[in-house]
Each structure stands twice: as structure tokens, then as C-alpha cells.
Amino acid sequence: METYTAMRQFADSWGLLAMALFFVGVIVFTLRPGGKRQAQEAASIPLKED
């Protein structure tokens, strides 16, 4: 089995599953309770005066 074929089969199966789980994890992390306050604090960092 060639390296390319093995990598392609992995990407088509487990790689796709891993990327989908990562995407769902990012969405859940972003929309978790209490995340809005932390996001607003991080967004206001450049606007704070020295």
C-alpha cells in the first residue's frame, strides 16, 4: 500500500471524524454559559488605556 493511499483512507475516515468533533467542540466552547462575559473582556483589551 502506498503512503498516499494510506493517508487518503485515513483522512476519508478518521480524519473527517476528528475534524467534525473539533468543529463541534469549538462551537460548544464558544456558546457555553459564561462565555459572553469573557469574550467581552477579551474584546475590550485593545481599548484599555495604559
N, C-alpha and C. Protein backbone atom coordinates (compact mmCIF):
# COMPACT_ATOMS: atom_id res chain seq x y z
N MET A 1 0.85 -1.18 0.00
CA MET A 1 0.00 0.00 0.00
C MET A 1 0.89 1.24 0.00
N GLU A 2 0.60 2.13 -0.88
CA GLU A 2 1.38 3.35 -0.96
C GLU A 2 1.06 4.28 0.20
N THR A 3 1.98 5.15 0.49
CA THR A 3 1.79 6.11 1.57
C THR A 3 0.61 7.03 1.28
N TYR A 4 0.52 7.48 0.03
CA TYR A 4 -0.59 8.37 -0.33
C TYR A 4 -1.93 7.69 -0.13
N THR A 5 -2.04 6.45 -0.53
CA THR A 5 -3.31 5.72 -0.40
C THR A 5 -3.68 5.54 1.07
N ALA A 6 -2.70 5.23 1.90
CA ALA A 6 -2.95 5.06 3.33
C ALA A 6 -3.39 6.37 3.96
N MET A 7 -2.71 7.45 3.61
CA MET A 7 -3.07 8.75 4.17
C MET A 7 -4.46 9.17 3.69
N ARG A 8 -4.78 8.88 2.43
CA ARG A 8 -6.09 9.24 1.88
C ARG A 8 -7.20 8.48 2.60
N GLN A 9 -7.00 7.20 2.83
CA GLN A 9 -8.01 6.40 3.54
C GLN A 9 -8.19 6.89 4.97
N PHE A 10 -7.10 7.25 5.63
CA PHE A 10 -7.19 7.78 6.99
C PHE A 10 -7.95 9.10 7.00
N ALA A 11 -7.65 9.99 6.07
CA ALA A 11 -8.31 11.29 6.01
C ALA A 11 -9.79 11.14 5.69
N ASP A 12 -10.13 10.17 4.86
CA ASP A 12 -11.53 9.96 4.50
C ASP A 12 -12.34 9.40 5.66
N SER A 13 -11.72 8.72 6.59
CA SER A 13 -12.47 8.10 7.67
C SER A 13 -12.22 8.82 9.01
N TRP A 14 -11.13 8.54 9.64
CA TRP A 14 -10.87 9.07 10.98
C TRP A 14 -10.52 10.55 10.98
N GLY A 15 -9.88 10.99 9.93
CA GLY A 15 -9.54 12.41 9.84
C GLY A 15 -10.79 13.28 9.76
N LEU A 16 -11.76 12.85 8.97
CA LEU A 16 -13.01 13.59 8.86
C LEU A 16 -13.75 13.59 10.19
N LEU A 17 -13.77 12.47 10.87
CA LEU A 17 -14.42 12.39 12.18
C LEU A 17 -13.74 13.31 13.18
N ALA A 18 -12.41 13.34 13.19
CA ALA A 18 -11.67 14.20 14.11
C ALA A 18 -11.95 15.68 13.84
N MET A 19 -12.00 16.07 12.57
CA MET A 19 -12.28 17.46 12.24
C MET A 19 -13.71 17.85 12.62
N ALA A 20 -14.65 16.93 12.43
CA ALA A 20 -16.03 17.21 12.80
C ALA A 20 -16.17 17.36 14.32
N LEU A 21 -15.51 16.50 15.08
CA LEU A 21 -15.55 16.62 16.54
C LEU A 21 -14.88 17.90 17.02
N PHE A 22 -13.80 18.28 16.39
CA PHE A 22 -13.13 19.53 16.74
C PHE A 22 -14.05 20.72 16.48
N PHE A 23 -14.73 20.71 15.34
CA PHE A 23 -15.65 21.79 14.99
C PHE A 23 -16.78 21.89 16.01
N VAL A 24 -17.36 20.76 16.37
CA VAL A 24 -18.45 20.75 17.36
C VAL A 24 -17.92 21.24 18.71
N GLY A 25 -16.70 20.84 19.07
CA GLY A 25 -16.11 21.29 20.33
C GLY A 25 -15.90 22.80 20.37
N VAL A 26 -15.46 23.37 19.27
CA VAL A 26 -15.26 24.82 19.21
C VAL A 26 -16.60 25.54 19.34
N ILE A 27 -17.63 25.04 18.69
CA ILE A 27 -18.95 25.66 18.79
C ILE A 27 -19.47 25.58 20.22
N VAL A 28 -19.34 24.42 20.85
CA VAL A 28 -19.80 24.26 22.23
C VAL A 28 -19.01 25.17 23.16
N PHE A 29 -17.69 25.26 22.96
CA PHE A 29 -16.86 26.12 23.81
C PHE A 29 -17.26 27.59 23.64
N THR A 30 -17.57 27.99 22.42
CA THR A 30 -17.94 29.37 22.16
C THR A 30 -19.29 29.72 22.77
N LEU A 31 -20.23 28.81 22.73
CA LEU A 31 -21.59 29.10 23.18
C LEU A 31 -21.87 28.64 24.61
N ARG A 32 -20.83 28.30 25.36
CA ARG A 32 -21.05 27.82 26.73
C ARG A 32 -21.55 28.95 27.61
N PRO A 33 -22.25 28.62 28.70
CA PRO A 33 -22.69 29.66 29.63
C PRO A 33 -21.49 30.37 30.26
N GLY A 34 -21.57 31.66 30.38
CA GLY A 34 -20.48 32.43 30.97
C GLY A 34 -19.42 32.85 29.97
N GLY A 35 -19.52 32.40 28.75
CA GLY A 35 -18.53 32.74 27.75
C GLY A 35 -18.66 34.16 27.22
N LYS A 36 -19.85 34.71 27.30
CA LYS A 36 -20.08 36.05 26.76
C LYS A 36 -19.29 37.10 27.54
N ARG A 37 -19.26 36.98 28.85
CA ARG A 37 -18.53 37.94 29.67
C ARG A 37 -17.04 37.88 29.36
N GLN A 38 -16.50 36.68 29.26
CA GLN A 38 -15.08 36.54 28.96
C GLN A 38 -14.75 37.06 27.56
N ALA A 39 -15.64 36.84 26.61
CA ALA A 39 -15.41 37.33 25.25
C ALA A 39 -15.44 38.85 25.22
N GLN A 40 -16.34 39.45 25.98
CA GLN A 40 -16.41 40.91 26.02
C GLN A 40 -15.16 41.49 26.68
N GLU A 41 -14.66 40.84 27.72
CA GLU A 41 -13.43 41.30 28.37
C GLU A 41 -12.25 41.21 27.41
N ALA A 42 -12.15 40.11 26.68
CA ALA A 42 -11.05 39.95 25.72
C ALA A 42 -11.16 40.95 24.59
N ALA A 43 -12.37 41.27 24.17
CA ALA A 43 -12.55 42.22 23.07
C ALA A 43 -12.21 43.64 23.48
N SER A 44 -12.31 43.94 24.76
CA SER A 44 -12.05 45.31 25.21
C SER A 44 -10.57 45.54 25.60
N ILE A 45 -9.74 44.54 25.52
CA ILE A 45 -8.33 44.68 25.88
C ILE A 45 -7.64 45.77 25.05
N PRO A 46 -7.79 45.81 23.72
CA PRO A 46 -7.10 46.86 22.96
C PRO A 46 -7.58 48.26 23.28
N LEU A 47 -8.76 48.39 23.84
CA LEU A 47 -9.32 49.71 24.10
C LEU A 47 -8.96 50.26 25.49
N LYS A 48 -8.34 49.41 26.31
CA LYS A 48 -7.96 49.88 27.64
C LYS A 48 -6.80 50.85 27.55
N GLU A 49 -6.87 51.89 28.36
CA GLU A 49 -5.80 52.87 28.37
C GLU A 49 -4.69 52.42 29.29
N ASP A 50 -3.48 52.81 28.94
CA ASP A 50 -2.32 52.43 29.76
C ASP A 50 -2.27 53.24 31.03
